[in-house]
Amino acid sequence: MHTYIMKNEFGLLKIGLSSDVHKRVKTIESASGVKTTLEYYVEGNYEKHVHDSLSHYRNKGEWF
């Protein structure tokens, strides 16, 4: 599994977990209709730690 950070065309960041981050970007783009780019990913599950660390920036769900 990989923890990833994606950025959409509105500047919002999505932090999540996926075994295939490139496929996940395409899925998010397709579902939202909004251009999204993969900014960073790392092997391992750091999702909760990153969410907790950035909680005061949360916009909605996994978007910051």
N, C-alpha and C. Protein backbone atom coordinates (compact mmCIF):
# COMPACT_ATOMS: atom_id res chain seq x y z
N MET A 1 0.84 -1.19 0.00
CA MET A 1 0.00 0.00 0.00
C MET A 1 0.88 1.25 0.00
N HIS A 2 0.33 2.29 -0.58
CA HIS A 2 1.02 3.58 -0.65
C HIS A 2 0.12 4.68 -0.10
N THR A 3 0.72 5.59 0.62
CA THR A 3 0.04 6.81 1.03
C THR A 3 0.34 7.84 -0.06
N TYR A 4 -0.72 8.52 -0.53
CA TYR A 4 -0.53 9.46 -1.64
C TYR A 4 -1.09 10.84 -1.29
N ILE A 5 -0.59 11.81 -2.04
CA ILE A 5 -1.14 13.17 -2.01
C ILE A 5 -1.43 13.55 -3.45
N MET A 6 -2.69 13.90 -3.71
CA MET A 6 -3.11 14.36 -5.03
C MET A 6 -3.57 15.80 -4.89
N LYS A 7 -3.50 16.52 -5.99
CA LYS A 7 -3.94 17.91 -6.01
C LYS A 7 -4.89 18.10 -7.18
N ASN A 8 -6.04 18.72 -6.90
CA ASN A 8 -6.97 18.97 -8.01
C ASN A 8 -6.77 20.38 -8.56
N GLU A 9 -7.45 20.68 -9.65
CA GLU A 9 -7.25 21.97 -10.33
C GLU A 9 -7.69 23.16 -9.50
N PHE A 10 -8.39 22.92 -8.39
CA PHE A 10 -8.80 24.00 -7.49
C PHE A 10 -7.81 24.20 -6.35
N GLY A 11 -6.75 23.39 -6.34
CA GLY A 11 -5.71 23.52 -5.32
C GLY A 11 -5.96 22.70 -4.06
N LEU A 12 -7.03 21.91 -4.05
CA LEU A 12 -7.30 21.06 -2.89
C LEU A 12 -6.44 19.80 -2.97
N LEU A 13 -5.98 19.35 -1.80
CA LEU A 13 -5.17 18.14 -1.72
C LEU A 13 -5.99 16.99 -1.18
N LYS A 14 -5.81 15.82 -1.77
CA LYS A 14 -6.45 14.60 -1.29
C LYS A 14 -5.36 13.69 -0.77
N ILE A 15 -5.54 13.23 0.44
CA ILE A 15 -4.58 12.35 1.08
C ILE A 15 -5.27 11.02 1.30
N GLY A 16 -4.69 9.96 0.78
CA GLY A 16 -5.34 8.67 0.89
C GLY A 16 -4.36 7.52 0.79
N LEU A 17 -4.91 6.34 0.61
CA LEU A 17 -4.16 5.10 0.60
C LEU A 17 -4.60 4.26 -0.60
N SER A 18 -3.64 3.71 -1.33
CA SER A 18 -3.98 2.91 -2.50
C SER A 18 -2.82 1.96 -2.83
N SER A 19 -3.17 0.82 -3.39
CA SER A 19 -2.14 -0.11 -3.86
C SER A 19 -1.69 0.26 -5.28
N ASP A 20 -2.50 1.04 -5.99
CA ASP A 20 -2.16 1.49 -7.35
C ASP A 20 -2.51 2.98 -7.46
N VAL A 21 -1.55 3.82 -7.12
CA VAL A 21 -1.82 5.27 -7.04
C VAL A 21 -2.15 5.89 -8.40
N HIS A 22 -1.55 5.39 -9.45
CA HIS A 22 -1.82 5.96 -10.78
C HIS A 22 -3.25 5.64 -11.23
N LYS A 23 -3.70 4.44 -10.94
CA LYS A 23 -5.08 4.08 -11.24
C LYS A 23 -6.03 4.90 -10.37
N ARG A 24 -5.65 5.16 -9.12
CA ARG A 24 -6.49 5.94 -8.21
C ARG A 24 -6.67 7.37 -8.73
N VAL A 25 -5.63 7.97 -9.27
CA VAL A 25 -5.74 9.32 -9.84
C VAL A 25 -6.79 9.32 -10.95
N LYS A 26 -6.73 8.34 -11.84
CA LYS A 26 -7.67 8.26 -12.95
C LYS A 26 -9.10 8.06 -12.44
N THR A 27 -9.25 7.25 -11.39
CA THR A 27 -10.57 7.02 -10.81
C THR A 27 -11.15 8.30 -10.22
N ILE A 28 -10.33 9.05 -9.49
CA ILE A 28 -10.76 10.31 -8.87
C ILE A 28 -11.13 11.32 -9.96
N GLU A 29 -10.30 11.43 -10.98
CA GLU A 29 -10.59 12.36 -12.09
C GLU A 29 -11.89 12.00 -12.78
N SER A 30 -12.08 10.73 -13.04
CA SER A 30 -13.29 10.26 -13.73
C SER A 30 -14.54 10.53 -12.90
N ALA A 31 -14.46 10.26 -11.61
CA ALA A 31 -15.62 10.42 -10.73
C ALA A 31 -15.96 11.89 -10.50
N SER A 32 -14.94 12.73 -10.43
CA SER A 32 -15.18 14.14 -10.09
C SER A 32 -15.29 15.04 -11.32
N GLY A 33 -14.69 14.62 -12.43
CA GLY A 33 -14.67 15.47 -13.62
C GLY A 33 -13.71 16.64 -13.48
N VAL A 34 -12.81 16.54 -12.51
CA VAL A 34 -11.86 17.62 -12.21
C VAL A 34 -10.44 17.10 -12.42
N LYS A 35 -9.61 17.86 -13.15
CA LYS A 35 -8.22 17.49 -13.38
C LYS A 35 -7.52 17.32 -12.04
N THR A 36 -6.84 16.18 -11.88
CA THR A 36 -6.16 15.85 -10.63
C THR A 36 -4.78 15.30 -10.96
N THR A 37 -3.77 15.74 -10.21
CA THR A 37 -2.41 15.26 -10.44
C THR A 37 -1.88 14.61 -9.17
N LEU A 38 -1.05 13.60 -9.38
CA LEU A 38 -0.38 12.94 -8.27
C LEU A 38 0.82 13.78 -7.88
N GLU A 39 0.85 14.26 -6.66
CA GLU A 39 1.93 15.12 -6.20
C GLU A 39 3.04 14.33 -5.52
N TYR A 40 2.65 13.29 -4.77
CA TYR A 40 3.64 12.56 -3.98
C TYR A 40 3.03 11.24 -3.52
N TYR A 41 3.85 10.22 -3.43
CA TYR A 41 3.41 8.99 -2.77
C TYR A 41 4.61 8.28 -2.17
N VAL A 42 4.34 7.50 -1.14
CA VAL A 42 5.37 6.77 -0.42
C VAL A 42 4.80 5.42 -0.01
N GLU A 43 5.63 4.40 -0.02
CA GLU A 43 5.17 3.09 0.41
C GLU A 43 4.92 3.11 1.92
N GLY A 44 3.79 2.55 2.31
CA GLY A 44 3.43 2.47 3.73
C GLY A 44 2.12 3.18 3.99
N ASN A 45 1.58 2.92 5.16
CA ASN A 45 0.30 3.52 5.55
C ASN A 45 0.52 4.63 6.56
N TYR A 46 0.56 5.87 6.05
CA TYR A 46 0.73 7.06 6.87
C TYR A 46 -0.50 7.96 6.82
N GLU A 47 -1.57 7.44 6.22
CA GLU A 47 -2.77 8.23 5.98
C GLU A 47 -3.31 8.87 7.26
N LYS A 48 -3.53 8.09 8.30
CA LYS A 48 -4.11 8.62 9.53
C LYS A 48 -3.20 9.68 10.15
N HIS A 49 -1.91 9.41 10.15
CA HIS A 49 -0.96 10.38 10.72
C HIS A 49 -1.02 11.71 9.97
N VAL A 50 -1.05 11.65 8.64
CA VAL A 50 -1.10 12.88 7.84
C VAL A 50 -2.44 13.59 8.05
N HIS A 51 -3.54 12.82 8.04
CA HIS A 51 -4.86 13.41 8.28
C HIS A 51 -4.91 14.10 9.64
N ASP A 52 -4.40 13.43 10.66
CA ASP A 52 -4.40 14.01 12.00
C ASP A 52 -3.53 15.27 12.07
N SER A 53 -2.39 15.22 11.42
CA SER A 53 -1.47 16.37 11.44
C SER A 53 -2.04 17.59 10.72
N LEU A 54 -2.85 17.36 9.71
CA LEU A 54 -3.39 18.46 8.90
C LEU A 54 -4.88 18.70 9.14
N SER A 55 -5.42 18.15 10.22
CA SER A 55 -6.88 18.20 10.45
C SER A 55 -7.45 19.62 10.43
N HIS A 56 -6.68 20.60 10.88
CA HIS A 56 -7.20 21.98 10.91
C HIS A 56 -7.30 22.59 9.51
N TYR A 57 -6.75 21.91 8.48
CA TYR A 57 -6.86 22.37 7.10
C TYR A 57 -7.92 21.61 6.32
N ARG A 58 -8.58 20.65 6.96
CA ARG A 58 -9.53 19.78 6.26
C ARG A 58 -10.66 20.60 5.63
N ASN A 59 -10.93 20.30 4.36
CA ASN A 59 -12.03 20.93 3.64
C ASN A 59 -13.26 20.04 3.72
N LYS A 60 -13.10 18.80 3.25
CA LYS A 60 -14.19 17.83 3.30
C LYS A 60 -13.60 16.44 3.07
N GLY A 61 -13.95 15.49 3.94
CA GLY A 61 -13.45 14.13 3.80
C GLY A 61 -11.95 14.07 3.82
N GLU A 62 -11.37 13.54 2.73
CA GLU A 62 -9.91 13.43 2.62
C GLU A 62 -9.29 14.62 1.87
N TRP A 63 -10.07 15.66 1.66
CA TRP A 63 -9.58 16.82 0.92
C TRP A 63 -9.17 17.93 1.89
N PHE A 64 -8.02 18.50 1.61
CA PHE A 64 -7.47 19.55 2.47
C PHE A 64 -7.14 20.78 1.63
